Amino acid sequence: MMRFPVSGVFRSGATPDGSEVQIEMAWLDGEKFILALPTDVAAQLVVAAQDAASDAERAGGRDPRPLIADRVAVQASNLPGRVTLTIQSEGGLNLHFSVPDLPFEDHRNR
């Protein structure tokens, strides 16, 4: 199996139609490239990367760190009755969820 080591991840985004995720990265020599993944494959990559990172922490004798959210945002969606919930984690990973656009109820003071 071939191995393709990279030295960094710089930015990411989605195509206007949402069919593809694009991640700007660099090879070890510093040459940048764009990794283009279908959206469903990108979601699988997020899960695989988190699992592998946890395994690496355990292998190094450390407790795996939980995902820490730095920012949470809700944005309009082009789908009727839906909004996009974005959770930005430590390190810049953005998780996007399409959720129903329901009225907000604050249950903290009940």
C-alpha atoms as a PDB file:
ATOM      1  CA  MET A   1       0.000   0.000   0.000  1.00  0.00           C
ATOM      2  CA  MET A   2       1.365   3.432  -0.917  1.00  0.00           C
ATOM      3  CA  ARG A   3       1.861   6.117   1.710  1.00  0.00           C
ATOM      4  CA  PHE A   4       1.549   9.876   1.005  1.00  0.00           C
ATOM      5  CA  PRO A   5       2.859  11.941   3.974  1.00  0.00           C
ATOM      6  CA  VAL A   6       1.830  15.583   4.200  1.00  0.00           C
ATOM      7  CA  SER A   7       3.330  18.430   6.224  1.00  0.00           C
ATOM      8  CA  GLY A   8       0.243  20.531   6.834  1.00  0.00           C
ATOM      9  CA  VAL A   9      -3.406  21.356   6.304  1.00  0.00           C
ATOM     10  CA  PHE A  10      -4.092  24.986   5.430  1.00  0.00           C
ATOM     11  CA  ARG A  11      -7.751  25.541   4.598  1.00  0.00           C
ATOM     12  CA  SER A  12     -10.856  23.762   3.456  1.00  0.00           C
ATOM     13  CA  GLY A  13     -14.190  24.455   1.856  1.00  0.00           C
ATOM     14  CA  ALA A  14     -17.003  22.972  -0.159  1.00  0.00           C
ATOM     15  CA  THR A  15     -17.969  23.375  -3.774  1.00  0.00           C
ATOM     16  CA  PRO A  16     -20.950  25.721  -4.360  1.00  0.00           C
ATOM     17  CA  ASP A  17     -23.263  22.765  -4.974  1.00  0.00           C
ATOM     18  CA  GLY A  18     -22.042  20.959  -1.819  1.00  0.00           C
ATOM     19  CA  SER A  19     -21.080  17.815  -3.719  1.00  0.00           C
ATOM     20  CA  GLU A  20     -17.383  17.977  -2.865  1.00  0.00           C
ATOM     21  CA  VAL A  21     -15.098  18.994  -0.002  1.00  0.00           C
ATOM     22  CA  GLN A  22     -11.729  20.485  -0.928  1.00  0.00           C
ATOM     23  CA  ILE A  23      -8.802  20.566   1.501  1.00  0.00           C
ATOM     24  CA  GLU A  24      -5.591  22.483   0.760  1.00  0.00           C
ATOM     25  CA  MET A  25      -2.571  20.550   2.042  1.00  0.00           C
ATOM     26  CA  ALA A  26       1.189  20.353   1.418  1.00  0.00           C
ATOM     27  CA  TRP A  27       3.583  17.525   0.728  1.00  0.00           C
ATOM     28  CA  LEU A  28       6.708  17.195   2.901  1.00  0.00           C
ATOM     29  CA  ASP A  29       8.654  19.315   0.385  1.00  0.00           C
ATOM     30  CA  GLY A  30       6.159  22.181   0.877  1.00  0.00           C
ATOM     31  CA  GLU A  31       4.403  21.864  -2.494  1.00  0.00           C
ATOM     32  CA  LYS A  32       0.690  22.544  -1.961  1.00  0.00           C
ATOM     33  CA  PHE A  33      -2.143  20.503  -3.423  1.00  0.00           C
ATOM     34  CA  ILE A  34      -5.931  20.232  -3.097  1.00  0.00           C
ATOM     35  CA  LEU A  35      -7.476  17.005  -1.846  1.00  0.00           C
ATOM     36  CA  ALA A  36     -10.978  16.810  -3.381  1.00  0.00           C
ATOM     37  CA  LEU A  37     -13.422  14.364  -1.802  1.00  0.00           C
ATOM     38  CA  PRO A  38     -17.101  13.657  -2.395  1.00  0.00           C
ATOM     39  CA  THR A  39     -19.021  14.953   0.639  1.00  0.00           C
ATOM     40  CA  ASP A  40     -19.950  11.467   1.892  1.00  0.00           C
ATOM     41  CA  VAL A  41     -16.307  10.330   1.677  1.00  0.00           C
ATOM     42  CA  ALA A  42     -15.214  13.466   3.591  1.00  0.00           C
ATOM     43  CA  ALA A  43     -17.615  12.533   6.396  1.00  0.00           C
ATOM     44  CA  GLN A  44     -16.063   9.048   6.517  1.00  0.00           C
ATOM     45  CA  LEU A  45     -12.592  10.628   6.622  1.00  0.00           C
ATOM     46  CA  VAL A  46     -13.547  12.769   9.645  1.00  0.00           C
ATOM     47  CA  VAL A  47     -14.615   9.653  11.575  1.00  0.00           C
ATOM     48  CA  ALA A  48     -11.535   7.670  10.489  1.00  0.00           C
ATOM     49  CA  ALA A  49      -9.158  10.525  11.395  1.00  0.00           C
ATOM     50  CA  GLN A  50     -10.715  10.942  14.858  1.00  0.00           C
ATOM     51  CA  ASP A  51     -10.495   7.187  15.497  1.00  0.00           C
ATOM     52  CA  ALA A  52      -6.868   7.055  14.323  1.00  0.00           C
ATOM     53  CA  ALA A  53      -5.935  10.099  16.445  1.00  0.00           C
ATOM     54  CA  SER A  54      -7.449   8.418  19.509  1.00  0.00           C
ATOM     55  CA  ASP A  55      -5.538   5.196  18.744  1.00  0.00           C
ATOM     56  CA  ALA A  56      -2.298   7.199  18.417  1.00  0.00           C
ATOM     57  CA  GLU A  57      -2.900   8.898  21.773  1.00  0.00           C
ATOM     58  CA  ARG A  58      -3.480   5.514  23.446  1.00  0.00           C
ATOM     59  CA  ALA A  59      -0.399   3.990  21.762  1.00  0.00           C
ATOM     60  CA  GLY A  60       1.676   6.868  23.138  1.00  0.00           C
ATOM     61  CA  GLY A  61       0.418   6.182  26.659  1.00  0.00           C
ATOM     62  CA  ARG A  62      -1.860   9.236  26.734  1.00  0.00           C
ATOM     63  CA  ASP A  63      -5.596   9.473  27.241  1.00  0.00           C
ATOM     64  CA  PRO A  64      -7.321  10.415  23.982  1.00  0.00           C
ATOM     65  CA  ARG A  65      -8.375  14.064  24.050  1.00  0.00           C
ATOM     66  CA  PRO A  66     -12.052  14.739  23.548  1.00  0.00           C
ATOM     67  CA  LEU A  67     -13.144  16.935  20.651  1.00  0.00           C
ATOM     68  CA  ILE A  68     -13.223  20.525  21.975  1.00  0.00           C
ATOM     69  CA  ALA A  69     -15.643  22.930  20.295  1.00  0.00           C
ATOM     70  CA  ASP A  70     -14.261  26.438  19.812  1.00  0.00           C
ATOM     71  CA  ARG A  71     -17.306  27.873  18.063  1.00  0.00           C
ATOM     72  CA  VAL A  72     -20.863  26.868  17.216  1.00  0.00           C
ATOM     73  CA  ALA A  73     -22.847  28.673  14.511  1.00  0.00           C
ATOM     74  CA  VAL A  74     -26.234  28.288  12.842  1.00  0.00           C
ATOM     75  CA  GLN A  75     -26.566  29.472   9.252  1.00  0.00           C
ATOM     76  CA  ALA A  76     -29.342  29.612   6.692  1.00  0.00           C
ATOM     77  CA  SER A  77     -29.584  26.668   4.342  1.00  0.00           C
ATOM     78  CA  ASN A  78     -30.695  26.473   0.735  1.00  0.00           C
ATOM     79  CA  LEU A  79     -32.943  23.561   1.736  1.00  0.00           C
ATOM     80  CA  PRO A  80     -36.473  24.583   2.814  1.00  0.00           C
ATOM     81  CA  GLY A  81     -37.114  24.131   6.536  1.00  0.00           C
ATOM     82  CA  ARG A  82     -33.450  23.378   7.302  1.00  0.00           C
ATOM     83  CA  VAL A  83     -30.487  25.262   8.763  1.00  0.00           C
ATOM     84  CA  THR A  84     -26.809  24.342   8.856  1.00  0.00           C
ATOM     85  CA  LEU A  85     -25.291  23.808  12.305  1.00  0.00           C
ATOM     86  CA  THR A  86     -21.500  24.230  12.237  1.00  0.00           C
ATOM     87  CA  ILE A  87     -19.256  23.109  15.081  1.00  0.00           C
ATOM     88  CA  GLN A  88     -15.658  24.311  14.794  1.00  0.00           C
ATOM     89  CA  SER A  89     -13.249  22.259  16.853  1.00  0.00           C
ATOM     90  CA  GLU A  90      -9.816  22.912  18.245  1.00  0.00           C
ATOM     91  CA  GLY A  91      -7.393  22.825  15.344  1.00  0.00           C
ATOM     92  CA  GLY A  92      -9.912  24.169  12.835  1.00  0.00           C
ATOM     93  CA  LEU A  93     -11.952  21.073  11.958  1.00  0.00           C
ATOM     94  CA  ASN A  94     -15.460  22.176  10.927  1.00  0.00           C
ATOM     95  CA  LEU A  95     -18.363  19.765  11.260  1.00  0.00           C
ATOM     96  CA  HIS A  96     -21.532  20.756   9.408  1.00  0.00           C
ATOM     97  CA  PHE A  97     -24.978  19.296  10.094  1.00  0.00           C
ATOM     98  CA  SER A  98     -28.206  19.980   8.240  1.00  0.00           C
ATOM     99  CA  VAL A  99     -30.905  20.149  10.909  1.00  0.00           C
ATOM    100  CA  PRO A 100     -34.608  21.122  10.982  1.00  0.00           C
ATOM    101  CA  ASP A 101     -35.230  24.863  11.437  1.00  0.00           C
ATOM    102  CA  LEU A 102     -37.221  24.737  14.672  1.00  0.00           C
ATOM    103  CA  PRO A 103     -37.903  27.491  17.211  1.00  0.00           C
ATOM    104  CA  PHE A 104     -35.201  27.748  19.876  1.00  0.00           C
ATOM    105  CA  GLU A 105     -36.249  27.000  23.453  1.00  0.00           C
ATOM    106  CA  ASP A 106     -33.857  27.754  26.304  1.00  0.00           C
ATOM    107  CA  HIS A 107     -34.217  24.914  28.804  1.00  0.00           C
ATOM    108  CA  ARG A 108     -31.362  25.967  31.103  1.00  0.00           C
ATOM    109  CA  ASN A 109     -33.555  27.806  33.625  1.00  0.00           C
ATOM    110  CA  ARG A 110     -36.260  25.190  34.076  1.00  0.00           C
END
